[in-house]
């Protein structure tokens, strides 16, 4: 999932470079949402790993 966030971030940067504001904003929003989902799932998996010990 972090891979997809990075891919959408790169797409947003390329689109912003070429002047496609709407596409860049949409890709940046998707990247931001995927990154936060990744962080939440990472924290949950860390907590589950600590509880199992």
N, C-alpha and C. Protein backbone atom coordinates (compact mmCIF):
# COMPACT_ATOMS: atom_id res chain seq x y z
N UNK A 1 0.82 -1.19 0.00
CA UNK A 1 0.00 0.00 0.00
C UNK A 1 0.87 1.25 0.00
N UNK A 2 1.98 1.19 0.68
CA UNK A 2 2.89 2.32 0.68
C UNK A 2 3.44 2.54 -0.73
N UNK A 3 3.60 1.46 -1.47
CA UNK A 3 4.06 1.55 -2.86
C UNK A 3 3.07 2.37 -3.69
N UNK A 4 1.77 2.11 -3.52
CA UNK A 4 0.76 2.85 -4.26
C UNK A 4 0.75 4.32 -3.87
N UNK A 5 0.96 4.62 -2.61
CA UNK A 5 1.02 6.01 -2.17
C UNK A 5 2.18 6.73 -2.84
N UNK A 6 3.32 6.07 -2.94
CA UNK A 6 4.49 6.67 -3.60
C UNK A 6 4.22 6.84 -5.09
N UNK A 7 3.57 5.87 -5.72
CA UNK A 7 3.26 5.97 -7.14
C UNK A 7 2.34 7.16 -7.41
N UNK A 8 1.29 7.32 -6.61
CA UNK A 8 0.39 8.44 -6.81
C UNK A 8 1.08 9.77 -6.51
N UNK A 9 2.01 9.78 -5.56
CA UNK A 9 2.77 10.99 -5.27
C UNK A 9 3.62 11.38 -6.48
N UNK A 10 4.27 10.41 -7.09
CA UNK A 10 5.09 10.68 -8.28
C UNK A 10 4.21 11.16 -9.43
N UNK A 11 3.05 10.55 -9.60
CA UNK A 11 2.12 11.00 -10.64
C UNK A 11 1.70 12.44 -10.39
N UNK A 12 1.45 12.77 -9.14
CA UNK A 12 1.07 14.15 -8.80
C UNK A 12 2.19 15.12 -9.11
N UNK A 13 3.43 14.74 -8.82
CA UNK A 13 4.56 15.62 -9.11
C UNK A 13 4.73 15.82 -10.61
N UNK A 14 4.61 14.76 -11.38
CA UNK A 14 4.76 14.86 -12.83
C UNK A 14 3.63 15.70 -13.42
N UNK A 15 2.41 15.48 -12.95
CA UNK A 15 1.27 16.24 -13.45
C UNK A 15 1.41 17.72 -13.09
N UNK A 16 1.90 18.01 -11.90
CA UNK A 16 2.10 19.41 -11.50
C UNK A 16 3.19 20.05 -12.35
N UNK A 17 4.20 19.29 -12.69
CA UNK A 17 5.29 19.80 -13.52
C UNK A 17 4.78 20.21 -14.90
N UNK A 18 3.85 19.44 -15.45
CA UNK A 18 3.30 19.74 -16.76
C UNK A 18 2.10 20.69 -16.71
N UNK A 19 1.68 21.07 -15.52
CA UNK A 19 0.61 22.06 -15.39
C UNK A 19 -0.80 21.52 -15.33
N UNK A 20 -0.95 20.24 -15.08
CA UNK A 20 -2.28 19.67 -14.94
C UNK A 20 -2.68 19.74 -13.47
N UNK A 21 -3.22 20.86 -13.05
CA UNK A 21 -3.53 21.09 -11.64
C UNK A 21 -4.55 20.14 -11.07
N UNK A 22 -5.62 19.89 -11.81
CA UNK A 22 -6.68 19.02 -11.29
C UNK A 22 -6.21 17.59 -11.11
N UNK A 23 -5.44 17.10 -12.08
CA UNK A 23 -4.92 15.73 -11.99
C UNK A 23 -3.92 15.62 -10.85
N UNK A 24 -3.08 16.65 -10.71
CA UNK A 24 -2.08 16.63 -9.65
C UNK A 24 -2.74 16.65 -8.28
N UNK A 25 -3.77 17.46 -8.12
CA UNK A 25 -4.47 17.54 -6.84
C UNK A 25 -5.15 16.21 -6.51
N UNK A 26 -5.76 15.60 -7.50
CA UNK A 26 -6.43 14.32 -7.26
C UNK A 26 -5.45 13.22 -6.90
N UNK A 27 -4.33 13.15 -7.61
CA UNK A 27 -3.32 12.13 -7.30
C UNK A 27 -2.69 12.37 -5.94
N UNK A 28 -2.49 13.63 -5.58
CA UNK A 28 -1.91 13.94 -4.26
C UNK A 28 -2.87 13.54 -3.15
N UNK A 29 -4.16 13.76 -3.34
CA UNK A 29 -5.14 13.36 -2.33
C UNK A 29 -5.18 11.85 -2.16
N UNK A 30 -5.14 11.11 -3.27
CA UNK A 30 -5.13 9.65 -3.20
C UNK A 30 -3.88 9.17 -2.49
N UNK A 31 -2.73 9.78 -2.81
CA UNK A 31 -1.48 9.39 -2.16
C UNK A 31 -1.54 9.65 -0.66
N UNK A 32 -2.12 10.79 -0.28
CA UNK A 32 -2.20 11.13 1.14
C UNK A 32 -3.11 10.14 1.88
N UNK A 33 -4.23 9.80 1.29
CA UNK A 33 -5.16 8.86 1.92
C UNK A 33 -4.52 7.48 2.06
N UNK A 34 -3.88 7.00 1.01
CA UNK A 34 -3.22 5.69 1.07
C UNK A 34 -2.10 5.67 2.10
N UNK A 35 -1.36 6.78 2.22
CA UNK A 35 -0.28 6.84 3.20
C UNK A 35 -0.83 6.74 4.61
N UNK A 36 -1.91 7.47 4.90
CA UNK A 36 -2.47 7.43 6.25
C UNK A 36 -3.08 6.06 6.56
N UNK A 37 -3.68 5.41 5.57
CA UNK A 37 -4.18 4.05 5.78
C UNK A 37 -3.02 3.11 6.09
N UNK A 38 -1.90 3.27 5.36
CA UNK A 38 -0.72 2.46 5.62
C UNK A 38 -0.22 2.67 7.04
N UNK A 39 -0.15 3.91 7.50
CA UNK A 39 0.36 4.19 8.84
C UNK A 39 -0.56 3.57 9.90
N UNK A 40 -1.86 3.68 9.71
CA UNK A 40 -2.80 3.11 10.68
C UNK A 40 -2.66 1.59 10.73
N UNK A 41 -2.59 0.95 9.57
CA UNK A 41 -2.43 -0.51 9.54
C UNK A 41 -1.10 -0.94 10.14
N UNK A 42 -0.05 -0.16 9.93
CA UNK A 42 1.25 -0.46 10.50
C UNK A 42 1.21 -0.40 12.03
N UNK A 43 0.58 0.63 12.57
CA UNK A 43 0.47 0.76 14.03
C UNK A 43 -0.36 -0.37 14.61
N UNK A 44 -1.45 -0.72 13.94
CA UNK A 44 -2.28 -1.83 14.42
C UNK A 44 -1.51 -3.14 14.42
N UNK A 45 -0.73 -3.38 13.37
CA UNK A 45 0.04 -4.63 13.33
C UNK A 45 1.13 -4.64 14.39
N UNK A 46 1.71 -3.49 14.70
CA UNK A 46 2.69 -3.43 15.79
C UNK A 46 2.04 -3.74 17.13
N UNK A 47 0.87 -3.18 17.38
CA UNK A 47 0.18 -3.43 18.64
C UNK A 47 -0.24 -4.89 18.77
N UNK A 48 -0.72 -5.48 17.70
CA UNK A 48 -1.11 -6.90 17.73
C UNK A 48 0.13 -7.76 17.97
N UNK A 49 1.25 -7.41 17.38
CA UNK A 49 2.47 -8.16 17.60
C UNK A 49 2.96 -8.08 19.05
N UNK A 50 2.77 -6.91 19.67
CA UNK A 50 3.18 -6.77 21.07
C UNK A 50 2.26 -7.53 22.01
N UNK A 51 0.97 -7.56 21.69
CA UNK A 51 0.00 -8.25 22.54
C UNK A 51 0.21 -9.77 22.49
N UNK A 52 0.61 -10.29 21.35
CA UNK A 52 0.79 -11.74 21.21
C UNK A 52 1.99 -12.26 22.00
N UNK A 53 2.91 -11.41 22.35
CA UNK A 53 4.10 -11.87 23.09
C UNK A 53 3.77 -12.07 24.49
